[in-house]
C-alpha cells in the first residue's frame, strides 16, 4: 500500500488538473438551459506515470457527505474538486485520479445524492432534470438512466440516476415521491409496470398496483 495522501497533497495535485476552485456547477433555477458542467481536467503530461497512493482515508457517506480521516470535509469547493476527479473502475472500486496521483476511496452507497427534480417540456416531450447535492444538473436520458433496485420482501425502492459513466446519484425519498406522482403505466415484456418518461425514454420504477394484487392472490 502506498503512502497515504493528505488533503494538502491532493489539493495541490488538483491544481495540476487546471480546474479552478469554486467549480461547483451553478444551480439552474428553472432548469431551462443545458446542464452546467465542470471544466474537464487537463490530460497528464506525456510520459508521466501516476503515483499509486493505495487506499486513501476518505469516505463518502450514504447521505453524500465526504469524510477525511473520520471528519466531514466542510469546504464545498474542495468536495467539488474531489468529485470532478472521481472515477469508478469496472470492478466497482472508486478512485480519485489526478494527472499526478491516484488512490481508492470508500463509497457507502452512491457518490452523489439527487436532492431536487425539475419537470419541463423539451421539444414536445417530458424531460426530468435532477440537481445533486453538489449542484450538478443531469437530465435523465439514454446516457443517464434512472434505475430502481427493489429490496427483497420489504419491496423498499432504492432509486438512482447516472450522473457520469459509472457514477450515480441516489435519488432521495422526497424526490422519488415526486417521480411516483409523475409515473405512468406501460406494458413491458408482458408485465404492467409504473415508470416515468424523460427525453423519450421510459424508466420503470415499480410494478403496477394491479400486478401487486395479482401476485398476492
N, C-alpha and C. Protein backbone atom coordinates (compact mmCIF):
# COMPACT_ATOMS: atom_id res chain seq x y z
N UNK A 1 0.85 -1.20 0.00
CA UNK A 1 0.00 0.00 0.00
C UNK A 1 0.88 1.24 0.00
N UNK A 2 0.51 2.21 -0.81
CA UNK A 2 1.32 3.41 -0.93
C UNK A 2 1.16 4.35 0.24
N UNK A 3 1.93 5.37 0.22
CA UNK A 3 1.90 6.39 1.27
C UNK A 3 0.57 7.14 1.23
N UNK A 4 -0.14 7.26 2.38
CA UNK A 4 -1.42 7.97 2.38
C UNK A 4 -1.27 9.39 1.88
N UNK A 5 -2.28 9.84 1.16
CA UNK A 5 -2.26 11.20 0.61
C UNK A 5 -2.97 12.14 1.56
N UNK A 6 -2.38 13.24 1.90
CA UNK A 6 -3.02 14.24 2.74
C UNK A 6 -3.91 15.11 1.88
N UNK A 7 -4.86 15.80 2.51
CA UNK A 7 -5.71 16.70 1.74
C UNK A 7 -4.88 17.80 1.12
N UNK A 8 -3.80 18.20 1.79
CA UNK A 8 -2.94 19.23 1.23
C UNK A 8 -2.30 18.77 -0.06
N UNK A 9 -1.80 17.54 -0.06
CA UNK A 9 -1.17 17.00 -1.26
C UNK A 9 -2.20 16.84 -2.38
N UNK A 10 -3.37 16.33 -2.02
CA UNK A 10 -4.40 16.16 -3.05
C UNK A 10 -4.85 17.51 -3.58
N UNK A 11 -5.01 18.49 -2.69
CA UNK A 11 -5.40 19.83 -3.12
C UNK A 11 -4.38 20.40 -4.09
N UNK A 12 -3.09 20.17 -3.78
CA UNK A 12 -2.03 20.66 -4.66
C UNK A 12 -2.06 19.91 -5.99
N UNK A 13 -2.31 18.59 -5.92
CA UNK A 13 -2.37 17.80 -7.15
C UNK A 13 -3.53 18.24 -8.02
N UNK A 14 -4.63 18.62 -7.39
CA UNK A 14 -5.79 19.05 -8.16
C UNK A 14 -5.51 20.32 -8.95
N UNK A 15 -4.60 21.14 -8.44
CA UNK A 15 -4.26 22.36 -9.17
C UNK A 15 -3.68 22.04 -10.54
N UNK A 16 -3.04 20.87 -10.63
CA UNK A 16 -2.42 20.48 -11.88
C UNK A 16 -3.45 20.08 -12.93
N UNK A 17 -4.70 19.86 -12.51
CA UNK A 17 -5.74 19.49 -13.47
C UNK A 17 -6.23 20.71 -14.24
N UNK A 18 -5.95 21.91 -13.73
CA UNK A 18 -6.43 23.12 -14.38
C UNK A 18 -7.83 23.50 -13.98
N UNK A 19 -8.41 22.81 -12.98
CA UNK A 19 -9.75 23.13 -12.51
C UNK A 19 -9.66 24.24 -11.49
N UNK A 20 -10.46 25.27 -11.68
CA UNK A 20 -10.45 26.39 -10.74
C UNK A 20 -11.28 26.05 -9.52
N UNK A 21 -10.89 26.61 -8.39
CA UNK A 21 -11.72 26.45 -7.19
C UNK A 21 -13.04 27.18 -7.38
N UNK A 22 -14.03 26.70 -6.60
CA UNK A 22 -15.37 27.26 -6.77
C UNK A 22 -16.01 26.74 -8.04
N UNK A 23 -15.65 25.50 -8.45
CA UNK A 23 -16.12 24.97 -9.72
C UNK A 23 -17.47 24.29 -9.60
N UNK A 24 -18.08 24.29 -8.42
CA UNK A 24 -19.39 23.64 -8.32
C UNK A 24 -20.32 24.21 -9.38
N UNK A 25 -20.97 23.35 -10.17
CA UNK A 25 -21.88 23.87 -11.20
C UNK A 25 -22.96 24.73 -10.58
N UNK A 26 -23.36 25.75 -11.31
CA UNK A 26 -24.42 26.63 -10.82
C UNK A 26 -25.74 25.88 -10.80
N UNK A 27 -26.56 26.20 -9.82
CA UNK A 27 -27.90 25.64 -9.78
C UNK A 27 -28.77 26.36 -10.79
N UNK A 28 -29.50 25.61 -11.61
CA UNK A 28 -30.42 26.22 -12.56
C UNK A 28 -31.75 26.44 -11.85
N UNK A 29 -32.14 27.69 -11.73
CA UNK A 29 -33.38 27.98 -11.03
C UNK A 29 -34.59 27.34 -11.70
N UNK A 30 -34.61 27.35 -13.03
CA UNK A 30 -35.76 26.76 -13.71
C UNK A 30 -35.36 25.56 -14.56
N UNK A 31 -34.08 25.20 -14.53
CA UNK A 31 -33.57 24.06 -15.30
C UNK A 31 -33.92 24.17 -16.77
N UNK A 32 -33.97 25.39 -17.29
CA UNK A 32 -34.41 25.58 -18.66
C UNK A 32 -33.28 25.46 -19.67
N UNK A 33 -32.05 25.67 -19.25
CA UNK A 33 -30.92 25.61 -20.17
C UNK A 33 -30.18 24.31 -20.05
N UNK A 34 -29.11 24.14 -20.81
CA UNK A 34 -28.32 22.90 -20.73
C UNK A 34 -27.65 22.79 -19.37
N UNK A 35 -27.51 21.56 -18.85
CA UNK A 35 -26.88 21.39 -17.54
C UNK A 35 -25.47 21.93 -17.54
N UNK A 36 -25.09 22.72 -16.51
CA UNK A 36 -23.72 23.23 -16.43
C UNK A 36 -22.77 22.10 -16.15
N UNK A 37 -21.57 22.18 -16.64
CA UNK A 37 -20.59 21.14 -16.43
C UNK A 37 -19.29 21.75 -15.89
N UNK A 38 -18.63 21.00 -15.02
CA UNK A 38 -17.33 21.44 -14.51
C UNK A 38 -16.32 21.34 -15.64
N UNK A 39 -15.30 22.20 -15.56
CA UNK A 39 -14.26 22.16 -16.57
C UNK A 39 -13.55 20.81 -16.55
N UNK A 40 -13.22 20.29 -17.73
CA UNK A 40 -12.57 18.98 -17.81
C UNK A 40 -11.12 19.10 -17.37
N UNK A 41 -10.61 18.09 -16.63
CA UNK A 41 -9.20 18.14 -16.21
C UNK A 41 -8.28 18.09 -17.42
N UNK A 42 -7.11 18.74 -17.28
CA UNK A 42 -6.13 18.68 -18.35
C UNK A 42 -5.54 17.28 -18.42
N UNK A 43 -5.19 16.79 -19.61
CA UNK A 43 -4.59 15.46 -19.71
C UNK A 43 -3.22 15.45 -19.06
N UNK A 44 -2.78 14.28 -18.57
CA UNK A 44 -1.46 14.21 -17.92
C UNK A 44 -0.35 14.48 -18.92
N UNK A 45 0.76 15.06 -18.47
CA UNK A 45 1.90 15.30 -19.36
C UNK A 45 2.40 13.99 -19.94
N UNK A 46 2.83 13.97 -21.19
CA UNK A 46 3.32 12.74 -21.82
C UNK A 46 4.46 12.13 -21.02
N UNK A 47 4.37 10.82 -20.85
CA UNK A 47 5.46 10.09 -20.19
C UNK A 47 5.43 10.12 -18.67
N UNK A 48 4.53 10.90 -18.07
CA UNK A 48 4.49 10.95 -16.61
C UNK A 48 3.65 9.79 -16.08
N UNK A 49 4.18 9.05 -15.12
CA UNK A 49 3.48 7.94 -14.53
C UNK A 49 2.83 8.38 -13.23
N UNK A 50 1.55 8.02 -13.07
CA UNK A 50 0.84 8.39 -11.85
C UNK A 50 1.42 7.65 -10.64
N UNK A 51 1.43 8.34 -9.51
CA UNK A 51 1.83 7.72 -8.26
C UNK A 51 0.63 6.98 -7.69
N UNK A 52 0.80 5.68 -7.41
CA UNK A 52 -0.26 4.88 -6.81
C UNK A 52 -0.23 5.08 -5.30
N UNK A 53 -1.29 5.66 -4.75
CA UNK A 53 -1.32 6.00 -3.33
C UNK A 53 -2.05 4.96 -2.49
N UNK A 54 -2.60 3.91 -3.13
CA UNK A 54 -3.33 2.91 -2.37
C UNK A 54 -4.65 3.45 -1.85
N UNK A 55 -5.06 2.94 -0.70
CA UNK A 55 -6.34 3.35 -0.11
C UNK A 55 -6.18 4.67 0.62
N UNK A 56 -6.94 5.67 0.21
CA UNK A 56 -6.94 6.95 0.90
C UNK A 56 -7.91 6.88 2.07
N UNK A 57 -7.62 7.60 3.11
CA UNK A 57 -8.51 7.61 4.29
C UNK A 57 -9.65 8.59 4.03
N UNK A 58 -10.44 8.27 3.01
CA UNK A 58 -11.53 9.15 2.60
C UNK A 58 -12.77 8.31 2.33
N UNK A 59 -13.93 8.83 2.71
CA UNK A 59 -15.18 8.08 2.60
C UNK A 59 -16.32 9.01 2.22
N UNK A 60 -17.19 8.54 1.34
CA UNK A 60 -18.43 9.26 1.02
C UNK A 60 -19.55 8.51 1.70
N UNK A 61 -20.20 9.16 2.67
CA UNK A 61 -21.28 8.53 3.43
C UNK A 61 -22.54 8.41 2.57
N UNK A 62 -23.47 7.63 3.06
CA UNK A 62 -24.72 7.40 2.33
C UNK A 62 -25.47 8.70 2.06
N UNK A 63 -25.34 9.68 2.96
CA UNK A 63 -26.04 10.95 2.78
C UNK A 63 -25.29 11.90 1.85
N UNK A 64 -24.18 11.45 1.25
CA UNK A 64 -23.42 12.27 0.31
C UNK A 64 -22.32 13.10 0.94
N UNK A 65 -22.16 13.03 2.26
CA UNK A 65 -21.11 13.80 2.93
C UNK A 65 -19.75 13.14 2.74
N UNK A 66 -18.76 13.93 2.35
CA UNK A 66 -17.39 13.44 2.19
C UNK A 66 -16.65 13.56 3.51
N UNK A 67 -15.93 12.51 3.89
CA UNK A 67 -15.17 12.49 5.14
C UNK A 67 -13.70 12.22 4.83
N UNK A 68 -12.82 12.88 5.60
CA UNK A 68 -11.39 12.61 5.52
C UNK A 68 -10.88 12.34 6.92
N UNK A 69 -10.27 11.16 7.09
CA UNK A 69 -9.78 10.73 8.41
C UNK A 69 -10.88 10.82 9.46
N UNK A 70 -12.08 10.43 9.07
CA UNK A 70 -13.20 10.36 10.01
C UNK A 70 -13.95 11.65 10.23
N UNK A 71 -13.47 12.76 9.65
CA UNK A 71 -14.14 14.06 9.84
C UNK A 71 -14.74 14.56 8.54
N UNK A 72 -15.94 15.17 8.60
CA UNK A 72 -16.55 15.71 7.38
C UNK A 72 -15.68 16.81 6.77
N UNK A 73 -15.64 16.85 5.44
CA UNK A 73 -14.94 17.93 4.73
C UNK A 73 -15.91 19.09 4.59
N UNK A 74 -15.61 20.19 5.25
CA UNK A 74 -16.55 21.31 5.29
C UNK A 74 -16.50 22.24 4.10
N UNK A 75 -15.43 22.20 3.32
CA UNK A 75 -15.29 23.12 2.19
C UNK A 75 -15.94 22.52 0.96
N UNK A 76 -17.07 23.09 0.56
CA UNK A 76 -17.79 22.53 -0.59
C UNK A 76 -16.97 22.63 -1.86
N UNK A 77 -16.18 23.72 -1.99
CA UNK A 77 -15.34 23.87 -3.18
C UNK A 77 -14.36 22.72 -3.30
N UNK A 78 -13.79 22.29 -2.16
CA UNK A 78 -12.85 21.18 -2.18
C UNK A 78 -13.54 19.88 -2.52
N UNK A 79 -14.75 19.68 -1.97
CA UNK A 79 -15.52 18.48 -2.30
C UNK A 79 -15.82 18.43 -3.79
N UNK A 80 -16.18 19.57 -4.37
CA UNK A 80 -16.45 19.63 -5.81
C UNK A 80 -15.21 19.26 -6.62
N UNK A 81 -14.06 19.72 -6.16
CA UNK A 81 -12.82 19.39 -6.85
C UNK A 81 -12.55 17.88 -6.77
N UNK A 82 -12.71 17.32 -5.60
CA UNK A 82 -12.54 15.88 -5.47
C UNK A 82 -13.52 15.14 -6.38
N UNK A 83 -14.79 15.58 -6.36
CA UNK A 83 -15.82 14.90 -7.16
C UNK A 83 -15.51 14.95 -8.64
N UNK A 84 -14.87 16.03 -9.08
CA UNK A 84 -14.58 16.19 -10.51
C UNK A 84 -13.52 15.22 -11.00
N UNK A 85 -12.72 14.63 -10.09
CA UNK A 85 -11.70 13.66 -10.49
C UNK A 85 -12.02 12.27 -9.95
N UNK A 86 -13.28 12.07 -9.57
CA UNK A 86 -13.73 10.76 -9.09
C UNK A 86 -13.99 9.84 -10.29
N UNK A 87 -13.51 8.63 -10.20
CA UNK A 87 -13.70 7.63 -11.24
C UNK A 87 -14.14 6.32 -10.60
N UNK A 88 -14.79 5.48 -11.41
CA UNK A 88 -15.15 4.15 -10.93
C UNK A 88 -14.65 3.11 -11.92
N UNK A 89 -13.94 2.12 -11.41
CA UNK A 89 -13.40 1.07 -12.26
C UNK A 89 -14.45 -0.01 -12.50
N UNK A 90 -14.16 -0.89 -13.46
CA UNK A 90 -15.10 -1.95 -13.81
C UNK A 90 -15.36 -2.90 -12.65
N UNK A 91 -14.40 -3.00 -11.72
CA UNK A 91 -14.59 -3.88 -10.56
C UNK A 91 -15.39 -3.23 -9.44
N UNK A 92 -15.87 -2.01 -9.67
CA UNK A 92 -16.70 -1.33 -8.69
C UNK A 92 -15.95 -0.44 -7.72
N UNK A 93 -14.62 -0.43 -7.77
CA UNK A 93 -13.86 0.43 -6.87
C UNK A 93 -13.89 1.87 -7.34
N UNK A 94 -13.85 2.78 -6.36
CA UNK A 94 -13.86 4.22 -6.64
C UNK A 94 -12.46 4.78 -6.44
N UNK A 95 -12.05 5.66 -7.35
CA UNK A 95 -10.72 6.25 -7.33
C UNK A 95 -10.80 7.77 -7.46
N UNK A 96 -9.91 8.47 -6.75
CA UNK A 96 -9.63 9.86 -7.04
C UNK A 96 -8.38 9.86 -7.90
N UNK A 97 -8.47 10.46 -9.06
CA UNK A 97 -7.38 10.36 -10.02
C UNK A 97 -7.04 11.72 -10.61
N UNK A 98 -5.83 12.19 -10.33
CA UNK A 98 -5.31 13.42 -10.91
C UNK A 98 -4.19 13.04 -11.87
N UNK A 99 -3.67 13.99 -12.66
CA UNK A 99 -2.56 13.65 -13.54
C UNK A 99 -1.34 13.11 -12.81
N UNK A 100 -1.22 13.41 -11.50
CA UNK A 100 -0.02 13.01 -10.76
C UNK A 100 -0.23 11.79 -9.88
N UNK A 101 -1.43 11.66 -9.28
CA UNK A 101 -1.65 10.63 -8.28
C UNK A 101 -3.03 10.01 -8.43
N UNK A 102 -3.17 8.80 -7.89
CA UNK A 102 -4.48 8.16 -7.83
C UNK A 102 -4.53 7.26 -6.61
N UNK A 103 -5.74 7.18 -6.01
CA UNK A 103 -5.92 6.32 -4.85
C UNK A 103 -7.39 5.99 -4.69
N UNK A 104 -7.67 4.91 -4.00
CA UNK A 104 -9.05 4.46 -3.82
C UNK A 104 -9.69 5.15 -2.62
N UNK A 105 -11.02 5.30 -2.69
CA UNK A 105 -11.79 5.81 -1.57
C UNK A 105 -12.98 4.90 -1.34
N UNK A 106 -13.59 5.02 -0.18
CA UNK A 106 -14.76 4.21 0.18
C UNK A 106 -16.04 5.00 -0.14
N UNK A 107 -16.99 4.33 -0.76
CA UNK A 107 -18.30 4.94 -1.03
C UNK A 107 -19.36 4.01 -0.45
N UNK A 108 -20.12 4.50 0.53
CA UNK A 108 -21.07 3.65 1.23
C UNK A 108 -22.23 3.22 0.35
N UNK A 109 -22.71 4.11 -0.51
CA UNK A 109 -23.84 3.78 -1.38
C UNK A 109 -23.55 4.30 -2.78
N UNK A 110 -23.92 5.54 -3.05
CA UNK A 110 -23.59 6.21 -4.31
C UNK A 110 -22.84 7.49 -3.97
N UNK A 111 -21.98 7.97 -4.87
CA UNK A 111 -21.17 9.15 -4.52
C UNK A 111 -21.96 10.45 -4.46
N UNK A 112 -23.14 10.49 -5.07
CA UNK A 112 -23.93 11.72 -5.08
C UNK A 112 -25.36 11.42 -4.61
N UNK A 113 -26.09 12.48 -4.29
CA UNK A 113 -27.50 12.36 -3.91
C UNK A 113 -28.30 13.34 -4.75
N UNK A 114 -29.37 12.86 -5.39
CA UNK A 114 -30.28 13.73 -6.14
C UNK A 114 -31.27 14.33 -5.15
N UNK A 115 -31.21 15.65 -4.98
CA UNK A 115 -31.99 16.32 -3.94
C UNK A 115 -33.16 17.13 -4.50
N UNK A 116 -33.25 17.24 -5.82
CA UNK A 116 -34.33 18.02 -6.42
C UNK A 116 -34.54 17.55 -7.86
N UNK A 117 -35.79 17.62 -8.33
CA UNK A 117 -36.08 17.26 -9.71
C UNK A 117 -36.91 18.36 -10.34
N UNK A 118 -36.61 18.69 -11.59
CA UNK A 118 -37.34 19.70 -12.35
C UNK A 118 -38.03 19.03 -13.53
N UNK A 119 -39.31 19.33 -13.71
CA UNK A 119 -40.07 18.81 -14.84
C UNK A 119 -40.22 19.92 -15.87
N UNK A 120 -40.02 19.57 -17.14
CA UNK A 120 -40.23 20.54 -18.20
C UNK A 120 -40.49 19.82 -19.52
N UNK A 121 -40.96 20.56 -20.51
CA UNK A 121 -41.17 20.03 -21.84
C UNK A 121 -39.96 20.35 -22.71
N UNK A 122 -39.43 19.35 -23.38
CA UNK A 122 -38.28 19.53 -24.29
C UNK A 122 -38.73 19.08 -25.68
N UNK A 123 -38.95 20.06 -26.56
CA UNK A 123 -39.37 19.74 -27.94
C UNK A 123 -40.60 18.85 -27.93
N UNK A 124 -41.53 19.16 -27.04
CA UNK A 124 -42.79 18.43 -27.01
C UNK A 124 -42.80 17.16 -26.21
N UNK A 125 -41.69 16.83 -25.54
CA UNK A 125 -41.68 15.62 -24.72
C UNK A 125 -41.14 15.94 -23.33
N UNK A 126 -41.53 15.13 -22.38
CA UNK A 126 -41.16 15.38 -20.99
C UNK A 126 -39.68 15.16 -20.74
N UNK A 127 -39.09 16.07 -19.95
CA UNK A 127 -37.70 15.93 -19.51
C UNK A 127 -37.65 16.08 -18.00
N UNK A 128 -36.90 15.22 -17.36
CA UNK A 128 -36.72 15.27 -15.91
C UNK A 128 -35.25 15.55 -15.62
N UNK A 129 -35.00 16.71 -15.01
CA UNK A 129 -33.63 17.11 -14.69
C UNK A 129 -33.44 17.11 -13.18
N UNK A 130 -32.40 16.44 -12.73
CA UNK A 130 -32.11 16.31 -11.31
C UNK A 130 -30.97 17.24 -10.90
N UNK A 131 -31.08 17.78 -9.69
CA UNK A 131 -29.98 18.54 -9.09
C UNK A 131 -29.38 17.69 -7.98
N UNK A 132 -28.06 17.55 -8.00
CA UNK A 132 -27.40 16.76 -6.98
C UNK A 132 -27.04 17.62 -5.77
N UNK A 133 -26.55 16.97 -4.74
CA UNK A 133 -26.13 17.69 -3.53
C UNK A 133 -24.93 18.58 -3.79
N UNK A 134 -24.25 18.41 -4.94
CA UNK A 134 -23.15 19.29 -5.32
C UNK A 134 -23.57 20.27 -6.41
N UNK A 135 -24.89 20.43 -6.58
CA UNK A 135 -25.46 21.38 -7.54
C UNK A 135 -25.14 21.05 -8.98
N UNK A 136 -24.87 19.80 -9.28
CA UNK A 136 -24.69 19.37 -10.65
C UNK A 136 -26.05 18.98 -11.21
N UNK A 137 -26.34 19.41 -12.44
CA UNK A 137 -27.62 19.14 -13.07
C UNK A 137 -27.46 18.01 -14.09
N UNK A 138 -28.37 17.05 -14.05
CA UNK A 138 -28.32 15.94 -15.00
C UNK A 138 -29.74 15.59 -15.44
N UNK A 139 -29.95 15.51 -16.74
CA UNK A 139 -31.25 15.17 -17.29
C UNK A 139 -31.28 13.68 -17.62
N UNK A 140 -32.29 12.98 -17.13
CA UNK A 140 -32.42 11.55 -17.38
C UNK A 140 -32.64 11.31 -18.87
N UNK A 141 -31.84 10.44 -19.45
CA UNK A 141 -31.98 10.07 -20.85
C UNK A 141 -31.28 8.72 -21.04
N UNK A 142 -31.06 8.34 -22.29
CA UNK A 142 -30.46 7.03 -22.56
C UNK A 142 -29.06 6.91 -21.95
N UNK A 143 -28.33 8.02 -21.88
CA UNK A 143 -26.98 8.00 -21.31
C UNK A 143 -26.96 8.25 -19.81
N UNK A 144 -28.08 8.71 -19.27
CA UNK A 144 -28.18 9.00 -17.84
C UNK A 144 -29.47 8.35 -17.31
N UNK A 145 -29.49 7.01 -17.29
CA UNK A 145 -30.72 6.30 -16.93
C UNK A 145 -31.08 6.39 -15.45
N UNK A 146 -32.37 6.24 -15.20
CA UNK A 146 -32.88 6.07 -13.84
C UNK A 146 -33.04 4.56 -13.63
N UNK A 147 -32.57 4.07 -12.52
CA UNK A 147 -32.80 2.66 -12.18
C UNK A 147 -33.29 2.57 -10.75
N UNK A 148 -34.10 1.58 -10.48
CA UNK A 148 -34.64 1.38 -9.14
C UNK A 148 -34.40 -0.06 -8.72
N UNK A 149 -33.62 -0.24 -7.67
CA UNK A 149 -33.42 -1.56 -7.09
C UNK A 149 -34.48 -1.75 -6.01
N UNK A 150 -35.13 -2.92 -6.02
CA UNK A 150 -36.18 -3.21 -5.04
C UNK A 150 -35.64 -4.19 -4.00
N UNK A 151 -35.73 -3.78 -2.73
CA UNK A 151 -35.26 -4.62 -1.64
C UNK A 151 -36.23 -5.78 -1.38
N UNK A 152 -35.79 -7.00 -1.58
CA UNK A 152 -36.49 -8.24 -1.21
C UNK A 152 -37.94 -8.15 -0.80
N UNK A 153 -38.24 -8.73 0.35
CA UNK A 153 -39.63 -8.79 0.81
C UNK A 153 -40.18 -7.43 1.20
N UNK A 154 -39.33 -6.56 1.70
CA UNK A 154 -39.81 -5.23 2.11
C UNK A 154 -40.25 -4.41 0.91
N UNK A 155 -39.71 -4.75 -0.28
CA UNK A 155 -40.01 -4.04 -1.52
C UNK A 155 -39.71 -2.54 -1.39
N UNK A 156 -38.76 -2.20 -0.54
CA UNK A 156 -38.35 -0.80 -0.42
C UNK A 156 -37.52 -0.41 -1.64
N UNK A 157 -37.91 0.65 -2.34
CA UNK A 157 -37.16 1.05 -3.54
C UNK A 157 -35.87 1.77 -3.20
N UNK A 158 -34.83 1.51 -4.00
CA UNK A 158 -33.57 2.24 -3.90
C UNK A 158 -33.28 2.82 -5.29
N UNK A 159 -33.73 4.06 -5.52
CA UNK A 159 -33.63 4.65 -6.87
C UNK A 159 -32.33 5.42 -7.08
N UNK A 160 -31.82 5.38 -8.32
CA UNK A 160 -30.58 6.05 -8.68
C UNK A 160 -30.71 6.66 -10.07
N UNK A 161 -29.89 7.66 -10.35
CA UNK A 161 -29.77 8.22 -11.70
C UNK A 161 -28.28 8.35 -12.00
N UNK A 162 -27.89 7.99 -13.22
CA UNK A 162 -26.49 8.10 -13.61
C UNK A 162 -26.12 9.55 -13.85
N UNK A 163 -25.04 9.99 -13.21
CA UNK A 163 -24.54 11.36 -13.37
C UNK A 163 -23.44 11.41 -14.42
N UNK A 164 -22.47 10.52 -14.28
CA UNK A 164 -21.40 10.34 -15.24
C UNK A 164 -21.15 8.85 -15.38
N UNK A 165 -20.48 8.41 -16.44
CA UNK A 165 -20.27 6.97 -16.60
C UNK A 165 -19.72 6.31 -15.34
N UNK A 166 -20.46 5.35 -14.82
CA UNK A 166 -20.04 4.63 -13.63
C UNK A 166 -20.37 5.30 -12.31
N UNK A 167 -20.84 6.55 -12.36
CA UNK A 167 -21.12 7.31 -11.14
C UNK A 167 -22.59 7.66 -11.07
N UNK A 168 -23.23 7.29 -9.97
CA UNK A 168 -24.66 7.51 -9.81
C UNK A 168 -24.96 8.44 -8.65
N UNK A 169 -26.16 9.00 -8.68
CA UNK A 169 -26.71 9.74 -7.55
C UNK A 169 -27.89 8.95 -7.01
N UNK A 170 -27.90 8.75 -5.70
CA UNK A 170 -29.07 8.14 -5.09
C UNK A 170 -30.18 9.17 -5.04
N UNK A 171 -31.35 8.82 -5.52
CA UNK A 171 -32.49 9.74 -5.51
C UNK A 171 -33.12 9.70 -4.12
N UNK A 172 -33.15 10.85 -3.45
CA UNK A 172 -33.66 10.84 -2.08
C UNK A 172 -35.17 10.60 -2.05
N UNK A 173 -35.69 10.32 -0.87
CA UNK A 173 -37.07 9.87 -0.74
C UNK A 173 -38.07 10.91 -1.26
N UNK A 174 -37.86 12.18 -0.92
CA UNK A 174 -38.80 13.22 -1.35
C UNK A 174 -38.85 13.32 -2.87
N UNK A 175 -37.69 13.25 -3.52
CA UNK A 175 -37.64 13.33 -4.98
C UNK A 175 -38.28 12.09 -5.60
N UNK A 176 -38.06 10.93 -4.99
CA UNK A 176 -38.66 9.71 -5.53
C UNK A 176 -40.19 9.79 -5.46
N UNK A 177 -40.71 10.38 -4.39
CA UNK A 177 -42.17 10.54 -4.30
C UNK A 177 -42.69 11.41 -5.45
N UNK A 178 -41.90 12.40 -5.85
CA UNK A 178 -42.30 13.22 -6.99
C UNK A 178 -42.32 12.40 -8.27
N UNK A 179 -41.36 11.50 -8.41
CA UNK A 179 -41.36 10.63 -9.59
C UNK A 179 -42.58 9.71 -9.59
N UNK A 180 -42.93 9.19 -8.42
CA UNK A 180 -44.11 8.33 -8.31
C UNK A 180 -45.36 9.10 -8.74
N UNK A 181 -45.44 10.39 -8.36
CA UNK A 181 -46.60 11.21 -8.74
C UNK A 181 -46.66 11.42 -10.25
N UNK A 182 -45.51 11.39 -10.92
CA UNK A 182 -45.46 11.58 -12.37
C UNK A 182 -45.56 10.27 -13.14
N UNK A 183 -45.58 9.15 -12.42
CA UNK A 183 -45.48 7.84 -13.06
C UNK A 183 -46.70 7.52 -13.93
N UNK A 184 -46.42 6.79 -15.01
CA UNK A 184 -47.44 6.28 -15.91
C UNK A 184 -47.29 4.76 -15.98
N UNK A 185 -48.36 4.10 -16.43
CA UNK A 185 -48.32 2.64 -16.56
C UNK A 185 -48.07 2.26 -18.00
N UNK A 186 -47.09 1.40 -18.19
CA UNK A 186 -46.76 0.90 -19.52
C UNK A 186 -46.62 -0.62 -19.45
N UNK A 187 -46.74 -1.27 -20.60
CA UNK A 187 -46.60 -2.72 -20.65
C UNK A 187 -45.23 -3.06 -21.24
N UNK A 188 -44.41 -3.75 -20.44
CA UNK A 188 -43.07 -4.14 -20.87
C UNK A 188 -42.88 -5.63 -20.64
N UNK A 189 -42.52 -6.35 -21.70
CA UNK A 189 -42.27 -7.78 -21.55
C UNK A 189 -43.45 -8.54 -20.99
N UNK A 190 -44.64 -8.10 -21.35
CA UNK A 190 -45.85 -8.78 -20.88
C UNK A 190 -46.26 -8.42 -19.47
N UNK A 191 -45.60 -7.44 -18.85
CA UNK A 191 -45.95 -7.01 -17.49
C UNK A 191 -46.36 -5.55 -17.48
N UNK A 192 -47.29 -5.23 -16.61
CA UNK A 192 -47.69 -3.84 -16.39
C UNK A 192 -46.73 -3.22 -15.37
N UNK A 193 -46.05 -2.17 -15.76
CA UNK A 193 -45.11 -1.52 -14.85
C UNK A 193 -45.39 -0.02 -14.79
N UNK A 194 -45.02 0.56 -13.66
CA UNK A 194 -45.08 2.01 -13.50
C UNK A 194 -43.71 2.59 -13.77
N UNK A 195 -43.70 3.77 -14.39
CA UNK A 195 -42.42 4.40 -14.66
C UNK A 195 -42.60 5.83 -15.12
N UNK A 196 -41.49 6.47 -15.43
CA UNK A 196 -41.52 7.87 -15.88
C UNK A 196 -40.81 7.98 -17.22
N UNK A 197 -41.24 8.97 -18.00
CA UNK A 197 -40.62 9.27 -19.29
C UNK A 197 -39.70 10.48 -19.15
N UNK A 198 -38.57 10.43 -19.84
CA UNK A 198 -37.68 11.58 -19.91
C UNK A 198 -36.87 11.46 -21.19
N UNK A 199 -36.87 12.53 -21.99
CA UNK A 199 -36.13 12.55 -23.25
C UNK A 199 -36.49 11.36 -24.14
N UNK A 200 -37.78 10.99 -24.13
CA UNK A 200 -38.25 9.92 -24.99
C UNK A 200 -37.92 8.52 -24.52
N UNK A 201 -37.37 8.37 -23.32
CA UNK A 201 -37.01 7.06 -22.77
C UNK A 201 -37.90 6.78 -21.57
N UNK A 202 -38.42 5.55 -21.48
CA UNK A 202 -39.26 5.15 -20.36
C UNK A 202 -38.41 4.41 -19.34
N UNK A 203 -38.50 4.85 -18.07
CA UNK A 203 -37.73 4.25 -16.99
C UNK A 203 -38.67 3.61 -15.97
N UNK A 204 -38.73 2.28 -15.91
CA UNK A 204 -39.59 1.61 -14.92
C UNK A 204 -39.13 1.92 -13.51
N UNK A 205 -40.09 2.12 -12.61
CA UNK A 205 -39.73 2.33 -11.20
C UNK A 205 -40.38 1.31 -10.28
N UNK A 206 -41.43 0.62 -10.75
CA UNK A 206 -42.07 -0.42 -9.92
C UNK A 206 -43.11 -1.13 -10.76
N UNK A 207 -43.59 -2.25 -10.25
CA UNK A 207 -44.69 -2.92 -10.91
C UNK A 207 -45.97 -2.12 -10.68
N UNK A 208 -46.90 -2.24 -11.63
CA UNK A 208 -48.19 -1.55 -11.49
C UNK A 208 -48.95 -2.15 -10.31
N UNK A 209 -49.80 -1.34 -9.63
CA UNK A 209 -50.55 -1.85 -8.48
C UNK A 209 -51.32 -3.10 -8.76
N UNK A 210 -51.89 -3.24 -9.96
CA UNK A 210 -52.65 -4.43 -10.29
C UNK A 210 -51.77 -5.67 -10.26
N UNK A 211 -50.50 -5.48 -10.66
CA UNK A 211 -49.56 -6.61 -10.65
C UNK A 211 -49.27 -7.06 -9.22
N UNK A 212 -49.20 -6.08 -8.31
CA UNK A 212 -49.00 -6.42 -6.90
C UNK A 212 -50.17 -7.27 -6.39
N UNK A 213 -51.38 -6.84 -6.75
CA UNK A 213 -52.56 -7.55 -6.30
C UNK A 213 -52.60 -8.97 -6.84
N UNK A 214 -52.23 -9.12 -8.12
CA UNK A 214 -52.26 -10.45 -8.74
C UNK A 214 -51.24 -11.36 -8.07
N UNK A 215 -50.06 -10.77 -7.71
CA UNK A 215 -49.01 -11.58 -7.09
C UNK A 215 -49.43 -12.04 -5.70
N UNK A 216 -50.25 -11.23 -5.02
CA UNK A 216 -50.65 -11.56 -3.66
C UNK A 216 -51.71 -12.65 -3.63
N UNK A 217 -52.46 -12.79 -4.71
CA UNK A 217 -53.58 -13.74 -4.72
C UNK A 217 -53.13 -15.18 -4.87
